[in-house]
Amino acid sequence: SKEAAIASLKCGNRQDAQRHVRHLKLATGSRSKCISLLNRVEEVLGVIADAEATKK
């Protein structure tokens, strides 16, 4: 987490701080990709629901 990175940096452990920042960046990127995918899935499900409604 950000707090762990700051704490490591204050203790003078630069490598640990960099590792924490790298993990934080990966988690943030993964989260945004998941949100994007879920939005797309929601959009596709809406299109399918509309198509089924017009068939009836």
C-alpha atoms as a PDB file:
ATOM      1  CA  SER A   1       0.000   0.000   0.000  1.00  0.00           C
ATOM      2  CA  LYS A   2       0.950   3.628  -0.216  1.00  0.00           C
ATOM      3  CA  GLU A   3       1.485   3.779   3.544  1.00  0.00           C
ATOM      4  CA  ALA A   4       3.887   0.818   3.425  1.00  0.00           C
ATOM      5  CA  ALA A   5       5.873   2.480   0.642  1.00  0.00           C
ATOM      6  CA  ILE A   6       6.150   5.714   2.611  1.00  0.00           C
ATOM      7  CA  ALA A   7       7.145   3.867   5.792  1.00  0.00           C
ATOM      8  CA  SER A   8       9.841   1.927   3.914  1.00  0.00           C
ATOM      9  CA  LEU A   9      11.157   5.127   2.378  1.00  0.00           C
ATOM     10  CA  LYS A  10      11.308   6.855   5.780  1.00  0.00           C
ATOM     11  CA  CYS A  11      13.285   3.891   7.172  1.00  0.00           C
ATOM     12  CA  GLY A  12      15.739   4.268   4.308  1.00  0.00           C
ATOM     13  CA  ASN A  13      14.702   1.043   2.596  1.00  0.00           C
ATOM     14  CA  ARG A  14      14.408   2.281  -0.975  1.00  0.00           C
ATOM     15  CA  GLN A  15      14.083  -1.167  -2.578  1.00  0.00           C
ATOM     16  CA  ASP A  16      11.148  -2.099  -0.346  1.00  0.00           C
ATOM     17  CA  ALA A  17       9.493   1.232  -1.124  1.00  0.00           C
ATOM     18  CA  GLN A  18       9.887   0.636  -4.863  1.00  0.00           C
ATOM     19  CA  ARG A  19       8.445  -2.871  -4.507  1.00  0.00           C
ATOM     20  CA  HIS A  20       5.390  -1.513  -2.696  1.00  0.00           C
ATOM     21  CA  VAL A  21       4.871   1.150  -5.370  1.00  0.00           C
ATOM     22  CA  ARG A  22       5.155  -1.455  -8.142  1.00  0.00           C
ATOM     23  CA  HIS A  23       2.515  -3.645  -6.468  1.00  0.00           C
ATOM     24  CA  LEU A  24       0.272  -0.618  -6.020  1.00  0.00           C
ATOM     25  CA  LYS A  25       0.560   0.252  -9.731  1.00  0.00           C
ATOM     26  CA  LEU A  26      -0.259  -3.336 -10.737  1.00  0.00           C
ATOM     27  CA  ALA A  27      -3.320  -3.412  -8.487  1.00  0.00           C
ATOM     28  CA  THR A  28      -4.565  -0.081  -9.821  1.00  0.00           C
ATOM     29  CA  GLY A  29      -4.109  -1.191 -13.434  1.00  0.00           C
ATOM     30  CA  SER A  30      -5.862  -4.489 -12.808  1.00  0.00           C
ATOM     31  CA  ARG A  31      -8.778  -2.721 -11.128  1.00  0.00           C
ATOM     32  CA  SER A  32      -9.303  -0.352 -14.062  1.00  0.00           C
ATOM     33  CA  LYS A  33      -9.159  -3.240 -16.548  1.00  0.00           C
ATOM     34  CA  CYS A  34     -11.772  -5.154 -14.525  1.00  0.00           C
ATOM     35  CA  ILE A  35     -14.051  -2.125 -14.378  1.00  0.00           C
ATOM     36  CA  SER A  36     -13.718  -1.667 -18.129  1.00  0.00           C
ATOM     37  CA  LEU A  37     -14.530  -5.334 -18.752  1.00  0.00           C
ATOM     38  CA  LEU A  38     -17.551  -5.242 -16.425  1.00  0.00           C
ATOM     39  CA  ASN A  39     -18.880  -2.141 -18.183  1.00  0.00           C
ATOM     40  CA  ARG A  40     -18.558  -3.878 -21.540  1.00  0.00           C
ATOM     41  CA  VAL A  41     -20.288  -7.031 -20.226  1.00  0.00           C
ATOM     42  CA  GLU A  42     -23.124  -4.891 -18.872  1.00  0.00           C
ATOM     43  CA  GLU A  43     -23.459  -3.195 -22.263  1.00  0.00           C
ATOM     44  CA  VAL A  44     -23.573  -6.539 -24.119  1.00  0.00           C
ATOM     45  CA  LEU A  45     -26.152  -7.951 -21.697  1.00  0.00           C
ATOM     46  CA  GLY A  46     -28.295  -4.864 -22.288  1.00  0.00           C
ATOM     47  CA  VAL A  47     -28.130  -5.381 -26.056  1.00  0.00           C
ATOM     48  CA  ILE A  48     -29.094  -9.047 -25.644  1.00  0.00           C
ATOM     49  CA  ALA A  49     -32.018  -8.131 -23.379  1.00  0.00           C
ATOM     50  CA  ASP A  50     -33.231  -5.540 -25.902  1.00  0.00           C
ATOM     51  CA  ALA A  51     -32.985  -8.057 -28.748  1.00  0.00           C
ATOM     52  CA  GLU A  52     -34.984 -10.627 -26.799  1.00  0.00           C
ATOM     53  CA  ALA A  53     -37.612  -8.035 -25.893  1.00  0.00           C
ATOM     54  CA  THR A  54     -38.119  -7.041 -29.538  1.00  0.00           C
ATOM     55  CA  LYS A  55     -38.407 -10.703 -30.607  1.00  0.00           C
ATOM     56  CA  LYS A  56     -41.469 -11.236 -28.390  1.00  0.00           C
END
